[in-house]
Amino acid sequence: MLGSAQVIAFVPATDLDRSADFYGAVLGLETAEISPFACVLTGSGTMIRVTRVDHLKPQPFTVLGWAVTDIGQTVTELTDRGVRFVRYPGMEQDRLGVWTTPGGDQVAWFTDPDGNVLSLTQFRS
């Protein structure tokens, strides 16, 4: 039923101007609208609504991620823009912070200004 409907992703944030800057200027998403309730961005045809909340307790798991074709290049470019990648104890991550799954996919994690965990994945071809 919803297989052909466009997906909208939601991310909570306490400061929409700060989020608009991060998701727009740093990550490169296109800002479509900023209202008192949400910052609406698009990336590769997907709408992301960064929704204003008064209080936020970031979750310890990924809430939003992107599939990329060259994770090393993407991590390097984002690092150059000030993004810090997360290292998790007990996970073997390379010098860029990339973890390779047992199946060969590669994943790197970072957080937005509110502490939401975001990820990049390069799927094994």
PDB file of N, CA and C in Angstrom:
ATOM      1  N   MET A   1       0.814  -1.197   0.000  1.00  0.00           N
ATOM      2  CA  MET A   1       0.000   0.000   0.000  1.00  0.00           C
ATOM      3  C   MET A   1       0.862   1.267   0.000  1.00  0.00           C
ATOM      4  N   LEU A   2       1.864   1.347   0.865  1.00  0.00           N
ATOM      5  CA  LEU A   2       2.706   2.541   0.922  1.00  0.00           C
ATOM      6  C   LEU A   2       4.010   2.375   0.146  1.00  0.00           C
ATOM      7  N   GLY A   3       4.163   1.271  -0.547  1.00  0.00           N
ATOM      8  CA  GLY A   3       5.395   0.997  -1.272  1.00  0.00           C
ATOM      9  C   GLY A   3       5.765   2.043  -2.306  1.00  0.00           C
ATOM     10  N   SER A   4       4.791   2.728  -2.858  1.00  0.00           N
ATOM     11  CA  SER A   4       5.092   3.743  -3.864  1.00  0.00           C
ATOM     12  C   SER A   4       4.990   5.171  -3.317  1.00  0.00           C
ATOM     13  N   ALA A   5       4.661   5.300  -2.032  1.00  0.00           N
ATOM     14  CA  ALA A   5       4.548   6.628  -1.421  1.00  0.00           C
ATOM     15  C   ALA A   5       5.932   7.147  -1.035  1.00  0.00           C
ATOM     16  N   GLN A   6       6.112   8.445  -1.141  1.00  0.00           N
ATOM     17  CA  GLN A   6       7.394   9.050  -0.771  1.00  0.00           C
ATOM     18  C   GLN A   6       7.579   8.981   0.740  1.00  0.00           C
ATOM     19  N   VAL A   7       8.780   8.640   1.182  1.00  0.00           N
ATOM     20  CA  VAL A   7       9.110   8.559   2.600  1.00  0.00           C
ATOM     21  C   VAL A   7       9.511   9.945   3.102  1.00  0.00           C
ATOM     22  N   ILE A   8       9.077  10.285   4.315  1.00  0.00           N
ATOM     23  CA  ILE A   8       9.488  11.508   4.995  1.00  0.00           C
ATOM     24  C   ILE A   8      10.175  11.082   6.281  1.00  0.00           C
ATOM     25  N   ALA A   9      11.393  11.560   6.484  1.00  0.00           N
ATOM     26  CA  ALA A   9      12.140  11.237   7.698  1.00  0.00           C
ATOM     27  C   ALA A   9      11.971  12.375   8.705  1.00  0.00           C
ATOM     28  N   PHE A  10      11.905  12.037   9.991  1.00  0.00           N
ATOM     29  CA  PHE A  10      11.756  13.026  11.056  1.00  0.00           C
ATOM     30  C   PHE A  10      12.921  12.910  12.029  1.00  0.00           C
ATOM     31  N   VAL A  11      13.461  14.061  12.423  1.00  0.00           N
ATOM     32  CA  VAL A  11      14.549  14.118  13.391  1.00  0.00           C
ATOM     33  C   VAL A  11      14.208  15.226  14.384  1.00  0.00           C
ATOM     34  N   PRO A  12      14.318  14.976  15.687  1.00  0.00           N
ATOM     35  CA  PRO A  12      14.030  16.028  16.667  1.00  0.00           C
ATOM     36  C   PRO A  12      15.222  16.958  16.867  1.00  0.00           C
ATOM     37  N   ALA A  13      14.923  18.218  17.206  1.00  0.00           N
ATOM     38  CA  ALA A  13      15.984  19.192  17.476  1.00  0.00           C
ATOM     39  C   ALA A  13      15.463  20.274  18.408  1.00  0.00           C
ATOM     40  N   THR A  14      16.348  20.817  19.205  1.00  0.00           N
ATOM     41  CA  THR A  14      15.957  21.887  20.135  1.00  0.00           C
ATOM     42  C   THR A  14      16.197  23.276  19.562  1.00  0.00           C
ATOM     43  N   ASP A  15      17.007  23.390  18.512  1.00  0.00           N
ATOM     44  CA  ASP A  15      17.345  24.693  17.920  1.00  0.00           C
ATOM     45  C   ASP A  15      17.313  24.547  16.398  1.00  0.00           C
ATOM     46  N   LEU A  16      16.244  25.042  15.778  1.00  0.00           N
ATOM     47  CA  LEU A  16      16.068  24.841  14.339  1.00  0.00           C
ATOM     48  C   LEU A  16      17.075  25.608  13.496  1.00  0.00           C
ATOM     49  N   ASP A  17      17.477  26.802  13.933  1.00  0.00           N
ATOM     50  CA  ASP A  17      18.477  27.548  13.159  1.00  0.00           C
ATOM     51  C   ASP A  17      19.807  26.797  13.135  1.00  0.00           C
ATOM     52  N   ARG A  18      20.196  26.265  14.279  1.00  0.00           N
ATOM     53  CA  ARG A  18      21.448  25.500  14.367  1.00  0.00           C
ATOM     54  C   ARG A  18      21.347  24.231  13.511  1.00  0.00           C
ATOM     55  N   SER A  19      20.194  23.590  13.554  1.00  0.00           N
ATOM     56  CA  SER A  19      19.994  22.381  12.750  1.00  0.00           C
ATOM     57  C   SER A  19      19.984  22.689  11.259  1.00  0.00           C
ATOM     58  N   ALA A  20      19.354  23.813  10.880  1.00  0.00           N
ATOM     59  CA  ALA A  20      19.326  24.205   9.465  1.00  0.00           C
ATOM     60  C   ALA A  20      20.743  24.421   8.957  1.00  0.00           C
ATOM     61  N   ASP A  21      21.585  25.037   9.773  1.00  0.00           N
ATOM     62  CA  ASP A  21      22.973  25.260   9.392  1.00  0.00           C
ATOM     63  C   ASP A  21      23.711  23.932   9.240  1.00  0.00           C
ATOM     64  N   PHE A  22      23.543  23.037  10.204  1.00  0.00           N
ATOM     65  CA  PHE A  22      24.241  21.757  10.169  1.00  0.00           C
ATOM     66  C   PHE A  22      23.788  20.905   8.982  1.00  0.00           C
ATOM     67  N   TYR A  23      22.478  20.677   8.877  1.00  0.00           N
ATOM     68  CA  TYR A  23      21.969  19.808   7.818  1.00  0.00           C
ATOM     69  C   TYR A  23      22.109  20.444   6.435  1.00  0.00           C
ATOM     70  N   GLY A  24      22.025  21.766   6.381  1.00  0.00           N
ATOM     71  CA  GLY A  24      22.147  22.459   5.100  1.00  0.00           C
ATOM     72  C   GLY A  24      23.586  22.740   4.724  1.00  0.00           C
ATOM     73  N   ALA A  25      24.250  23.639   5.468  1.00  0.00           N
ATOM     74  CA  ALA A  25      25.601  24.072   5.105  1.00  0.00           C
ATOM     75  C   ALA A  25      26.650  22.973   5.289  1.00  0.00           C
ATOM     76  N   VAL A  26      26.553  22.203   6.359  1.00  0.00           N
ATOM     77  CA  VAL A  26      27.584  21.194   6.633  1.00  0.00           C
ATOM     78  C   VAL A  26      27.333  19.906   5.837  1.00  0.00           C
ATOM     79  N   LEU A  27      26.107  19.369   5.911  1.00  0.00           N
ATOM     80  CA  LEU A  27      25.833  18.102   5.232  1.00  0.00           C
ATOM     81  C   LEU A  27      25.448  18.274   3.766  1.00  0.00           C
ATOM     82  N   GLY A  28      25.055  19.485   3.383  1.00  0.00           N
ATOM     83  CA  GLY A  28      24.759  19.743   1.977  1.00  0.00           C
ATOM     84  C   GLY A  28      23.344  19.461   1.534  1.00  0.00           C
ATOM     85  N   LEU A  29      22.403  19.319   2.475  1.00  0.00           N
ATOM     86  CA  LEU A  29      21.011  19.140   2.089  1.00  0.00           C
ATOM     87  C   LEU A  29      20.415  20.493   1.703  1.00  0.00           C
ATOM     88  N   GLU A  30      19.393  20.469   0.883  1.00  0.00           N
ATOM     89  CA  GLU A  30      18.748  21.704   0.437  1.00  0.00           C
ATOM     90  C   GLU A  30      17.650  22.086   1.428  1.00  0.00           C
ATOM     91  N   THR A  31      17.712  23.307   1.934  1.00  0.00           N
ATOM     92  CA  THR A  31      16.692  23.791   2.867  1.00  0.00           C
ATOM     93  C   THR A  31      15.483  24.252   2.066  1.00  0.00           C
ATOM     94  N   ALA A  32      14.329  23.663   2.348  1.00  0.00           N
ATOM     95  CA  ALA A  32      13.093  24.010   1.648  1.00  0.00           C
ATOM     96  C   ALA A  32      12.272  25.026   2.434  1.00  0.00           C
ATOM     97  N   GLU A  33      12.316  24.924   3.775  1.00  0.00           N
ATOM     98  CA  GLU A  33      11.474  25.795   4.601  1.00  0.00           C
ATOM     99  C   GLU A  33      11.951  25.753   6.042  1.00  0.00           C
ATOM    100  N   ILE A  34      11.863  26.887   6.706  1.00  0.00           N
ATOM    101  CA  ILE A  34      12.089  26.932   8.148  1.00  0.00           C
ATOM    102  C   ILE A  34      10.893  27.660   8.747  1.00  0.00           C
ATOM    103  N   SER A  35      10.231  27.005   9.672  1.00  0.00           N
ATOM    104  CA  SER A  35       9.095  27.603  10.370  1.00  0.00           C
ATOM    105  C   SER A  35       9.371  27.496  11.861  1.00  0.00           C
ATOM    106  N   PRO A  36       8.496  28.034  12.700  1.00  0.00           N
ATOM    107  CA  PRO A  36       8.711  27.871  14.143  1.00  0.00           C
ATOM    108  C   PRO A  36       8.609  26.411  14.605  1.00  0.00           C
ATOM    109  N   PHE A  37       8.111  25.525  13.735  1.00  0.00           N
ATOM    110  CA  PHE A  37       7.862  24.140  14.117  1.00  0.00           C
ATOM    111  C   PHE A  37       8.844  23.133  13.538  1.00  0.00           C
ATOM    112  N   ALA A  38       9.422  23.468  12.374  1.00  0.00           N
ATOM    113  CA  ALA A  38      10.305  22.500  11.718  1.00  0.00           C
ATOM    114  C   ALA A  38      11.199  23.182  10.697  1.00  0.00           C
ATOM    115  N   CYS A  39      12.294  22.530  10.442  1.00  0.00           N
ATOM    116  CA  CYS A  39      13.186  22.896   9.346  1.00  0.00           C
ATOM    117  C   CYS A  39      13.041  21.757   8.342  1.00  0.00           C
ATOM    118  N   VAL A  40      12.585  22.076   7.153  1.00  0.00           N
ATOM    119  CA  VAL A  40      12.338  21.052   6.141  1.00  0.00           C
ATOM    120  C   VAL A  40      13.470  21.097   5.121  1.00  0.00           C
ATOM    121  N   LEU A  41      14.102  19.936   4.928  1.00  0.00           N
ATOM    122  CA  LEU A  41      15.219  19.826   3.990  1.00  0.00           C
ATOM    123  C   LEU A  41      14.954  18.674   3.036  1.00  0.00           C
ATOM    124  N   THR A  42      15.675  18.660   1.933  1.00  0.00           N
ATOM    125  CA  THR A  42      15.564  17.537   1.014  1.00  0.00           C
ATOM    126  C   THR A  42      16.956  17.074   0.626  1.00  0.00           C
ATOM    127  N   GLY A  43      17.041  15.798   0.395  1.00  0.00           N
ATOM    128  CA  GLY A  43      18.283  15.193  -0.064  1.00  0.00           C
ATOM    129  C   GLY A  43      17.945  14.003  -0.938  1.00  0.00           C
ATOM    130  N   SER A  44      18.343  14.055  -2.186  1.00  0.00           N
ATOM    131  CA  SER A  44      18.105  12.967  -3.136  1.00  0.00           C
ATOM    132  C   SER A  44      16.628  12.576  -3.190  1.00  0.00           C
ATOM    133  N   GLY A  45      15.759  13.584  -3.120  1.00  0.00           N
ATOM    134  CA  GLY A  45      14.325  13.349  -3.244  1.00  0.00           C
ATOM    135  C   GLY A  45      13.605  12.979  -1.962  1.00  0.00           C
ATOM    136  N   THR A  46      14.329  12.832  -0.867  1.00  0.00           N
ATOM    137  CA  THR A  46      13.698  12.492   0.405  1.00  0.00           C
ATOM    138  C   THR A  46      13.563  13.746   1.265  1.00  0.00           C
ATOM    139  N   MET A  47      12.382  13.932   1.817  1.00  0.00           N
ATOM    140  CA  MET A  47      12.152  15.063   2.722  1.00  0.00           C
ATOM    141  C   MET A  47      12.576  14.670   4.128  1.00  0.00           C
ATOM    142  N   ILE A  48      13.324  15.558   4.761  1.00  0.00           N
ATOM    143  CA  ILE A  48      13.712  15.378   6.160  1.00  0.00           C
ATOM    144  C   ILE A  48      13.138  16.555   6.926  1.00  0.00           C
ATOM    145  N   ARG A  49      12.285  16.258   7.893  1.00  0.00           N
ATOM    146  CA  ARG A  49      11.694  17.291   8.737  1.00  0.00           C
ATOM    147  C   ARG A  49      12.403  17.269  10.084  1.00  0.00           C
ATOM    148  N   VAL A  50      13.204  18.288  10.335  1.00  0.00           N
ATOM    149  CA  VAL A  50      13.854  18.438  11.630  1.00  0.00           C
ATOM    150  C   VAL A  50      12.838  19.200  12.479  1.00  0.00           C
ATOM    151  N   THR A  51      12.237  18.493  13.413  1.00  0.00           N
ATOM    152  CA  THR A  51      11.108  19.007  14.176  1.00  0.00           C
ATOM    153  C   THR A  51      11.560  19.569  15.514  1.00  0.00           C
ATOM    154  N   ARG A  52      11.095  20.790  15.824  1.00  0.00           N
ATOM    155  CA  ARG A  52      11.472  21.435  17.082  1.00  0.00           C
ATOM    156  C   ARG A  52      10.793  20.743  18.253  1.00  0.00           C
ATOM    157  N   VAL A  53      11.611  20.455  19.259  1.00  0.00           N
ATOM    158  CA  VAL A  53      11.118  19.901  20.520  1.00  0.00           C
ATOM    159  C   VAL A  53      11.718  20.721  21.656  1.00  0.00           C
ATOM    160  N   ASP A  54      11.006  20.780  22.775  1.00  0.00           N
ATOM    161  CA  ASP A  54      11.519  21.534  23.922  1.00  0.00           C
ATOM    162  C   ASP A  54      12.636  20.797  24.650  1.00  0.00           C
ATOM    163  N   HIS A  55      12.488  19.487  24.748  1.00  0.00           N
ATOM    164  CA  HIS A  55      13.472  18.664  25.462  1.00  0.00           C
ATOM    165  C   HIS A  55      13.806  17.460  24.592  1.00  0.00           C
ATOM    166  N   LEU A  56      15.060  17.073  24.625  1.00  0.00           N
ATOM    167  CA  LEU A  56      15.489  15.959  23.796  1.00  0.00           C
ATOM    168  C   LEU A  56      16.488  15.108  24.546  1.00  0.00           C
ATOM    169  N   LYS A  57      16.215  13.819  24.589  1.00  0.00           N
ATOM    170  CA  LYS A  57      17.182  12.853  25.112  1.00  0.00           C
ATOM    171  C   LYS A  57      17.605  11.998  23.920  1.00  0.00           C
ATOM    172  N   PRO A  58      18.796  12.284  23.346  1.00  0.00           N
ATOM    173  CA  PRO A  58      19.224  11.526  22.169  1.00  0.00           C
ATOM    174  C   PRO A  58      19.270  10.024  22.456  1.00  0.00           C
ATOM    175  N   GLN A  59      18.886   9.260  21.473  1.00  0.00           N
ATOM    176  CA  GLN A  59      18.895   7.805  21.588  1.00  0.00           C
ATOM    177  C   GLN A  59      20.287   7.274  21.248  1.00  0.00           C
ATOM    178  N   PRO A  60      20.642   6.101  21.760  1.00  0.00           N
ATOM    179  CA  PRO A  60      21.986   5.571  21.524  1.00  0.00           C
ATOM    180  C   PRO A  60      22.128   4.848  20.181  1.00  0.00           C
ATOM    181  N   PHE A  61      21.119   4.913  19.344  1.00  0.00           N
ATOM    182  CA  PHE A  61      21.145   4.211  18.067  1.00  0.00           C
ATOM    183  C   PHE A  61      20.959   5.206  16.920  1.00  0.00           C
ATOM    184  N   THR A  62      21.251   4.768  15.715  1.00  0.00           N
ATOM    185  CA  THR A  62      21.132   5.607  14.531  1.00  0.00           C
ATOM    186  C   THR A  62      19.669   5.947  14.269  1.00  0.00           C
ATOM    187  N   VAL A  63      19.405   7.246  14.068  1.00  0.00           N
ATOM    188  CA  VAL A  63      18.043   7.680  13.756  1.00  0.00           C
ATOM    189  C   VAL A  63      17.881   8.077  12.289  1.00  0.00           C
ATOM    190  N   LEU A  64      18.997   8.301  11.598  1.00  0.00           N
ATOM    191  CA  LEU A  64      18.951   8.725  10.205  1.00  0.00           C
ATOM    192  C   LEU A  64      20.280   8.385   9.561  1.00  0.00           C
ATOM    193  N   GLY A  65      20.247   7.889   8.335  1.00  0.00           N
ATOM    194  CA  GLY A  65      21.498   7.534   7.677  1.00  0.00           C
ATOM    195  C   GLY A  65      21.424   7.701   6.176  1.00  0.00           C
ATOM    196  N   TRP A  66      22.599   7.658   5.559  1.00  0.00           N
ATOM    197  CA  TRP A  66      22.723   7.814   4.124  1.00  0.00           C
ATOM    198  C   TRP A  66      23.546   6.678   3.551  1.00  0.00           C
ATOM    199  N   ALA A  67      23.127   6.165   2.392  1.00  0.00           N
ATOM    200  CA  ALA A  67      23.920   5.207   1.634  1.00  0.00           C
ATOM    201  C   ALA A  67      24.830   6.017   0.721  1.00  0.00           C
ATOM    202  N   VAL A  68      26.129   5.760   0.790  1.00  0.00           N
ATOM    203  CA  VAL A  68      27.103   6.499  -0.013  1.00  0.00           C
ATOM    204  C   VAL A  68      27.908   5.521  -0.865  1.00  0.00           C
ATOM    205  N   THR A  69      28.475   6.036  -1.943  1.00  0.00           N
ATOM    206  CA  THR A  69      29.245   5.166  -2.836  1.00  0.00           C
ATOM    207  C   THR A  69      30.720   5.092  -2.469  1.00  0.00           C
ATOM    208  N   ASP A  70      31.231   6.119  -1.772  1.00  0.00           N
ATOM    209  CA  ASP A  70      32.639   6.123  -1.354  1.00  0.00           C
ATOM    210  C   ASP A  70      32.707   6.659   0.074  1.00  0.00           C
ATOM    211  N   ILE A  71      32.644   5.756   1.038  1.00  0.00           N
ATOM    212  CA  ILE A  71      32.564   6.170   2.441  1.00  0.00           C
ATOM    213  C   ILE A  71      33.828   6.903   2.889  1.00  0.00           C
ATOM    214  N   GLY A  72      34.979   6.481   2.408  1.00  0.00           N
ATOM    215  CA  GLY A  72      36.224   7.154   2.791  1.00  0.00           C
ATOM    216  C   GLY A  72      36.234   8.611   2.360  1.00  0.00           C
ATOM    217  N   GLN A  73      35.841   8.857   1.129  1.00  0.00           N
ATOM    218  CA  GLN A  73      35.801  10.221   0.617  1.00  0.00           C
ATOM    219  C   GLN A  73      34.758  11.050   1.360  1.00  0.00           C
ATOM    220  N   THR A  74      33.585  10.471   1.606  1.00  0.00           N
ATOM    221  CA  THR A  74      32.521  11.200   2.300  1.00  0.00           C
ATOM    222  C   THR A  74      32.925  11.537   3.727  1.00  0.00           C
ATOM    223  N   VAL A  75      33.523  10.584   4.444  1.00  0.00           N
ATOM    224  CA  VAL A  75      33.991  10.837   5.804  1.00  0.00           C
ATOM    225  C   VAL A  75      35.036  11.946   5.795  1.00  0.00           C
ATOM    226  N   THR A  76      35.961  11.879   4.863  1.00  0.00           N
ATOM    227  CA  THR A  76      37.016  12.896   4.779  1.00  0.00           C
ATOM    228  C   THR A  76      36.429  14.279   4.519  1.00  0.00           C
ATOM    229  N   GLU A  77      35.502  14.377   3.578  1.00  0.00           N
ATOM    230  CA  GLU A  77      34.886  15.667   3.263  1.00  0.00           C
ATOM    231  C   GLU A  77      34.109  16.220   4.459  1.00  0.00           C
ATOM    232  N   LEU A  78      33.355  15.364   5.144  1.00  0.00           N
ATOM    233  CA  LEU A  78      32.597  15.832   6.308  1.00  0.00           C
ATOM    234  C   LEU A  78      33.528  16.207   7.457  1.00  0.00           C
ATOM    235  N   THR A  79      34.609  15.459   7.638  1.00  0.00           N
ATOM    236  CA  THR A  79      35.593  15.799   8.661  1.00  0.00           C
ATOM    237  C   THR A  79      36.181  17.178   8.375  1.00  0.00           C
ATOM    238  N   ASP A  80      36.464  17.447   7.108  1.00  0.00           N
ATOM    239  CA  ASP A  80      36.988  18.759   6.719  1.00  0.00           C
ATOM    240  C   ASP A  80      35.984  19.877   7.011  1.00  0.00           C
ATOM    241  N   ARG A  81      34.701  19.536   7.079  1.00  0.00           N
ATOM    242  CA  ARG A  81      33.642  20.519   7.380  1.00  0.00           C
ATOM    243  C   ARG A  81      33.351  20.596   8.880  1.00  0.00           C
ATOM    244  N   GLY A  82      34.140  19.885   9.680  1.00  0.00           N
ATOM    245  CA  GLY A  82      33.999  19.967  11.126  1.00  0.00           C
ATOM    246  C   GLY A  82      33.210  18.854  11.785  1.00  0.00           C
ATOM    247  N   VAL A  83      32.759  17.876  11.023  1.00  0.00           N
ATOM    248  CA  VAL A  83      32.011  16.753  11.591  1.00  0.00           C
ATOM    249  C   VAL A  83      33.001  15.813  12.281  1.00  0.00           C
ATOM    250  N   ARG A  84      32.634  15.396  13.483  1.00  0.00           N
ATOM    251  CA  ARG A  84      33.467  14.441  14.233  1.00  0.00           C
ATOM    252  C   ARG A  84      32.779  13.085  14.227  1.00  0.00           C
ATOM    253  N   PHE A  85      33.517  12.075  13.834  1.00  0.00           N
ATOM    254  CA  PHE A  85      32.959  10.733  13.760  1.00  0.00           C
ATOM    255  C   PHE A  85      33.128  10.013  15.087  1.00  0.00           C
ATOM    256  N   VAL A  86      32.144   9.185  15.404  1.00  0.00           N
ATOM    257  CA  VAL A  86      32.064   8.495  16.687  1.00  0.00           C
ATOM    258  C   VAL A  86      32.844   7.182  16.613  1.00  0.00           C
ATOM    259  N   ARG A  87      33.575   6.922  17.664  1.00  0.00           N
ATOM    260  CA  ARG A  87      34.245   5.626  17.805  1.00  0.00           C
ATOM    261  C   ARG A  87      33.586   4.882  18.961  1.00  0.00           C
ATOM    262  N   TYR A  88      33.251   3.625  18.710  1.00  0.00           N
ATOM    263  CA  TYR A  88      32.579   2.824  19.716  1.00  0.00           C
ATOM    264  C   TYR A  88      33.544   1.794  20.295  1.00  0.00           C
ATOM    265  N   PRO A  89      33.614   1.706  21.625  1.00  0.00           N
ATOM    266  CA  PRO A  89      34.487   0.720  22.262  1.00  0.00           C
ATOM    267  C   PRO A  89      34.112  -0.699  21.819  1.00  0.00           C
ATOM    268  N   GLY A  90      35.114  -1.490  21.553  1.00  0.00           N
ATOM    269  CA  GLY A  90      34.889  -2.881  21.188  1.00  0.00           C
ATOM    270  C   GLY A  90      34.630  -3.107  19.701  1.00  0.00           C
ATOM    271  N   MET A  91      34.556  -2.031  18.917  1.00  0.00           N
ATOM    272  CA  MET A  91      34.352  -2.170  17.471  1.00  0.00           C
ATOM    273  C   MET A  91      35.649  -1.788  16.766  1.00  0.00           C
ATOM    274  N   GLU A  92      36.083  -2.618  15.854  1.00  0.00           N
ATOM    275  CA  GLU A  92      37.301  -2.321  15.109  1.00  0.00           C
ATOM    276  C   GLU A  92      36.967  -1.347  13.986  1.00  0.00           C
ATOM    277  N   GLN A  93      37.318  -0.079  14.214  1.00  0.00           N
ATOM    278  CA  GLN A  93      37.088   0.955  13.221  1.00  0.00           C
ATOM    279  C   GLN A  93      38.445   1.415  12.681  1.00  0.00           C
ATOM    280  N   ASP A  94      38.483   1.734  11.394  1.00  0.00           N
ATOM    281  CA  ASP A  94      39.751   2.155  10.797  1.00  0.00           C
ATOM    282  C   ASP A  94      40.104   3.579  11.215  1.00  0.00           C
ATOM    283  N   ARG A  95      41.154   4.128  10.626  1.00  0.00           N
ATOM    284  CA  ARG A  95      41.641   5.455  11.029  1.00  0.00           C
ATOM    285  C   ARG A  95      40.612   6.555  10.811  1.00  0.00           C
ATOM    286  N   LEU A  96      39.655   6.340   9.904  1.00  0.00           N
ATOM    287  CA  LEU A  96      38.601   7.330   9.660  1.00  0.00           C
ATOM    288  C   LEU A  96      37.382   7.121  10.562  1.00  0.00           C
ATOM    289  N   GLY A  97      37.364   5.999  11.285  1.00  0.00           N
ATOM    290  CA  GLY A  97      36.212   5.684  12.125  1.00  0.00           C
ATOM    291  C   GLY A  97      35.214   4.773  11.436  1.00  0.00           C
ATOM    292  N   VAL A  98      35.625   4.142  10.345  1.00  0.00           N
ATOM    293  CA  VAL A  98      34.736   3.267   9.577  1.00  0.00           C
ATOM    294  C   VAL A  98      34.841   1.837  10.093  1.00  0.00           C
ATOM    295  N   TRP A  99      33.685   1.222  10.340  1.00  0.00           N
ATOM    296  CA  TRP A  99      33.607  -0.170  10.768  1.00  0.00           C
ATOM    297  C   TRP A  99      33.160  -1.007   9.585  1.00  0.00           C
ATOM    298  N   THR A 100      33.777  -2.163   9.389  1.00  0.00           N
ATOM    299  CA  THR A 100      33.370  -3.091   8.337  1.00  0.00           C
ATOM    300  C   THR A 100      32.588  -4.235   8.967  1.00  0.00           C
ATOM    301  N   THR A 101      31.361  -4.423   8.492  1.00  0.00           N
ATOM    302  CA  THR A 101      30.498  -5.482   9.024  1.00  0.00           C
ATOM    303  C   THR A 101      31.033  -6.846   8.587  1.00  0.00           C
ATOM    304  N   PRO A 102      30.597  -7.915   9.247  1.00  0.00           N
ATOM    305  CA  PRO A 102      31.026  -9.244   8.808  1.00  0.00           C
ATOM    306  C   PRO A 102      30.676  -9.528   7.344  1.00  0.00           C
ATOM    307  N   GLY A 103      29.622  -8.902   6.835  1.00  0.00           N
ATOM    308  CA  GLY A 103      29.221  -9.098   5.444  1.00  0.00           C
ATOM    309  C   GLY A 103      29.934  -8.198   4.449  1.00  0.00           C
ATOM    310  N   GLY A 104      30.783  -7.264   4.952  1.00  0.00           N
ATOM    311  CA  GLY A 104      31.555  -6.416   4.066  1.00  0.00           C
ATOM    312  C   GLY A 104      31.032  -5.006   3.864  1.00  0.00           C
ATOM    313  N   ASP A 105      29.846  -4.681   4.411  1.00  0.00           N
ATOM    314  CA  ASP A 105      29.366  -3.296   4.338  1.00  0.00           C
ATOM    315  C   ASP A 105      30.235  -2.447   5.264  1.00  0.00           C
ATOM    316  N   GLN A 106      30.339  -1.166   4.956  1.00  0.00           N
ATOM    317  CA  GLN A 106      31.133  -0.262   5.784  1.00  0.00           C
ATOM    318  C   GLN A 106      30.219   0.824   6.349  1.00  0.00           C
ATOM    319  N   VAL A 107      30.397   1.128   7.644  1.00  0.00           N
ATOM    320  CA  VAL A 107      29.532   2.068   8.346  1.00  0.00           C
ATOM    321  C   VAL A 107      30.380   3.027   9.177  1.00  0.00           C
ATOM    322  N   ALA A 108      29.970   4.299   9.184  1.00  0.00           N
ATOM    323  CA  ALA A 108      30.592   5.313  10.050  1.00  0.00           C
ATOM    324  C   ALA A 108      29.466   6.125  10.680  1.00  0.00           C
ATOM    325  N   TRP A 109      29.676   6.526  11.934  1.00  0.00           N
ATOM    326  CA  TRP A 109      28.649   7.249  12.679  1.00  0.00           C
ATOM    327  C   TRP A 109      29.142   8.623  13.103  1.00  0.00           C
ATOM    328  N   PHE A 110      28.205   9.566  13.170  1.00  0.00           N
ATOM    329  CA  PHE A 110      28.471  10.907  13.675  1.00  0.00           C
ATOM    330  C   PHE A 110      27.185  11.430  14.291  1.00  0.00           C
ATOM    331  N   THR A 111      27.269  12.543  14.969  1.00  0.00           N
ATOM    332  CA  THR A 111      26.073  13.095  15.609  1.00  0.00           C
ATOM    333  C   THR A 111      25.773  14.488  15.072  1.00  0.00           C
ATOM    334  N   ASP A 112      24.500  14.856  15.158  1.00  0.00           N
ATOM    335  CA  ASP A 112      24.117  16.225  14.814  1.00  0.00           C
ATOM    336  C   ASP A 112      24.289  17.087  16.065  1.00  0.00           C
ATOM    337  N   PRO A 113      24.040  18.390  15.989  1.00  0.00           N
ATOM    338  CA  PRO A 113      24.259  19.262  17.153  1.00  0.00           C
ATOM    339  C   PRO A 113      23.436  18.906  18.390  1.00  0.00           C
ATOM    340  N   ASP A 114      22.340  18.162  18.219  1.00  0.00           N
ATOM    341  CA  ASP A 114      21.521  17.740  19.356  1.00  0.00           C
ATOM    342  C   ASP A 114      21.913  16.370  19.892  1.00  0.00           C
ATOM    343  N   GLY A 115      22.901  15.734  19.288  1.00  0.00           N
ATOM    344  CA  GLY A 115      23.351  14.425  19.746  1.00  0.00           C
ATOM    345  C   GLY A 115      22.647  13.254  19.087  1.00  0.00           C
ATOM    346  N   ASN A 116      21.780  13.511  18.091  1.00  0.00           N
ATOM    347  CA  ASN A 116      21.165  12.411  17.345  1.00  0.00           C
ATOM    348  C   ASN A 116      22.241  11.677  16.566  1.00  0.00           C
ATOM    349  N   VAL A 117      22.227  10.352  16.624  1.00  0.00           N
ATOM    350  CA  VAL A 117      23.218   9.551  15.915  1.00  0.00           C
ATOM    351  C   VAL A 117      22.797   9.397  14.454  1.00  0.00           C
ATOM    352  N   LEU A 118      23.712   9.763  13.566  1.00  0.00           N
ATOM    353  CA  LEU A 118      23.511   9.663  12.126  1.00  0.00           C
ATOM    354  C   LEU A 118      24.577   8.727  11.572  1.00  0.00           C
ATOM    355  N   SER A 119      24.330   8.164  10.396  1.00  0.00           N
ATOM    356  CA  SER A 119      25.323   7.233   9.857  1.00  0.00           C
ATOM    357  C   SER A 119      25.474   7.349   8.351  1.00  0.00           C
ATOM    358  N   LEU A 120      26.613   6.826   7.902  1.00  0.00           N
ATOM    359  CA  LEU A 120      26.896   6.649   6.490  1.00  0.00           C
ATOM    360  C   LEU A 120      27.130   5.166   6.298  1.00  0.00           C
ATOM    361  N   THR A 121      26.616   4.610   5.191  1.00  0.00           N
ATOM    362  CA  THR A 121      26.848   3.201   4.885  1.00  0.00           C
ATOM    363  C   THR A 121      27.249   3.067   3.432  1.00  0.00           C
ATOM    364  N   GLN A 122      28.328   2.345   3.216  1.00  0.00           N
ATOM    365  CA  GLN A 122      28.701   1.946   1.862  1.00  0.00           C
ATOM    366  C   GLN A 122      28.437   0.445   1.794  1.00  0.00           C
ATOM    367  N   PHE A 123      27.427   0.081   1.020  1.00  0.00           N
ATOM    368  CA  PHE A 123      27.068  -1.323   0.911  1.00  0.00           C
ATOM    369  C   PHE A 123      28.044  -2.049  -0.001  1.00  0.00           C
ATOM    370  N   ARG A 124      28.370  -3.265   0.395  1.00  0.00           N
ATOM    371  CA  ARG A 124      29.271  -4.100  -0.410  1.00  0.00           C
ATOM    372  C   ARG A 124      28.587  -4.393  -1.725  1.00  0.00           C
ATOM    373  N   SER A 125      29.328  -4.246  -2.805  1.00  0.00           N
ATOM    374  CA  SER A 125      28.694  -4.498  -4.110  1.00  0.00           C
ATOM    375  C   SER A 125      28.789  -5.921  -4.525  1.00  0.00           C
TER     376      SER A 125
END
